[in-house]
N, C-alpha and C. Protein backbone atom coordinates (compact mmCIF):
# COMPACT_ATOMS: atom_id res chain seq x y z
N ILE A 1 10.53 -10.45 5.25
CA ILE A 1 9.94 -9.39 4.43
C ILE A 1 9.68 -8.17 5.31
N HIS A 2 10.21 -7.03 4.87
CA HIS A 2 10.00 -5.80 5.64
C HIS A 2 8.72 -5.12 5.19
N LEU A 3 7.86 -4.79 6.15
CA LEU A 3 6.60 -4.12 5.81
C LEU A 3 6.55 -2.74 6.45
N GLU A 4 6.06 -1.78 5.68
CA GLU A 4 5.87 -0.44 6.22
C GLU A 4 4.41 -0.26 6.60
N LEU A 5 4.17 0.21 7.79
CA LEU A 5 2.81 0.43 8.24
C LEU A 5 2.47 1.91 8.10
N ASP A 6 1.48 2.19 7.26
CA ASP A 6 1.07 3.57 7.02
C ASP A 6 -0.04 3.95 7.99
N VAL A 7 0.33 4.77 8.98
CA VAL A 7 -0.66 5.17 9.98
C VAL A 7 -0.87 6.68 9.95
N SER A 8 -0.54 7.30 8.81
CA SER A 8 -0.64 8.75 8.70
C SER A 8 -2.08 9.24 8.83
N GLU A 9 -3.04 8.36 8.54
CA GLU A 9 -4.45 8.75 8.60
C GLU A 9 -5.04 8.57 9.99
N LEU A 10 -4.29 7.94 10.88
CA LEU A 10 -4.84 7.60 12.18
C LEU A 10 -4.62 8.70 13.21
N ASN A 11 -3.74 9.65 12.91
CA ASN A 11 -3.45 10.75 13.83
C ASN A 11 -3.03 10.25 15.21
N GLY A 12 -2.33 9.12 15.23
CA GLY A 12 -1.83 8.59 16.49
C GLY A 12 -2.88 7.86 17.31
N ASP A 13 -4.09 7.76 16.79
CA ASP A 13 -5.15 7.09 17.53
C ASP A 13 -5.68 5.93 16.70
N ILE A 14 -5.38 4.71 17.15
CA ILE A 14 -5.80 3.53 16.40
C ILE A 14 -7.11 3.01 16.98
N ARG A 15 -8.12 2.92 16.12
CA ARG A 15 -9.41 2.39 16.55
C ARG A 15 -9.83 1.26 15.61
N ALA A 16 -10.71 0.42 16.08
CA ALA A 16 -11.23 -0.64 15.22
C ALA A 16 -12.00 -0.01 14.07
N GLY A 17 -11.72 -0.45 12.87
CA GLY A 17 -12.42 0.08 11.71
C GLY A 17 -11.60 1.11 10.96
N ASP A 18 -10.51 1.58 11.56
CA ASP A 18 -9.65 2.53 10.86
C ASP A 18 -8.95 1.84 9.70
N HIS A 19 -8.67 2.59 8.66
CA HIS A 19 -8.00 2.04 7.49
C HIS A 19 -6.51 1.88 7.76
N ILE A 20 -6.03 0.65 7.64
CA ILE A 20 -4.61 0.38 7.82
C ILE A 20 -4.10 -0.34 6.58
N ALA A 21 -3.11 0.24 5.93
CA ALA A 21 -2.56 -0.37 4.72
C ALA A 21 -1.11 -0.77 4.96
N ILE A 22 -0.76 -1.96 4.50
CA ILE A 22 0.62 -2.43 4.63
C ILE A 22 1.23 -2.49 3.23
N TYR A 23 2.32 -1.75 3.05
CA TYR A 23 2.97 -1.70 1.75
C TYR A 23 4.31 -2.43 1.82
N PRO A 24 4.43 -3.58 1.17
CA PRO A 24 5.73 -4.27 1.10
C PRO A 24 6.76 -3.38 0.42
N ARG A 25 7.94 -3.24 1.02
CA ARG A 25 8.97 -2.35 0.50
C ARG A 25 9.47 -2.80 -0.87
N ASN A 26 9.39 -4.12 -1.12
CA ASN A 26 9.93 -4.62 -2.39
C ASN A 26 8.90 -4.57 -3.52
N ASP A 27 7.67 -4.19 -3.22
CA ASP A 27 6.64 -4.11 -4.26
C ASP A 27 5.56 -3.12 -3.84
N THR A 28 5.71 -1.88 -4.27
CA THR A 28 4.78 -0.83 -3.84
C THR A 28 3.42 -0.98 -4.48
N ASN A 29 3.30 -1.86 -5.46
CA ASN A 29 2.01 -2.07 -6.13
C ASN A 29 1.13 -3.04 -5.35
N ALA A 30 1.74 -3.77 -4.43
CA ALA A 30 0.97 -4.73 -3.65
C ALA A 30 0.57 -4.10 -2.33
N VAL A 31 -0.72 -4.00 -2.10
CA VAL A 31 -1.22 -3.40 -0.86
C VAL A 31 -2.14 -4.38 -0.16
N THR A 32 -1.87 -4.61 1.11
CA THR A 32 -2.72 -5.49 1.90
C THR A 32 -3.49 -4.65 2.91
N GLU A 33 -4.79 -4.67 2.84
CA GLU A 33 -5.61 -3.91 3.78
C GLU A 33 -6.13 -4.84 4.86
N ILE A 34 -5.92 -4.43 6.12
CA ILE A 34 -6.38 -5.25 7.24
C ILE A 34 -7.36 -4.46 8.10
């Protein structure tokens, strides 16, 4: 399963607590937040 990692909100700086959403390419309605 191919997953796209949306890091547009992180401005290149990943910190604990930042919002990270994974959108499966085959189902844009399914969002997994980690």
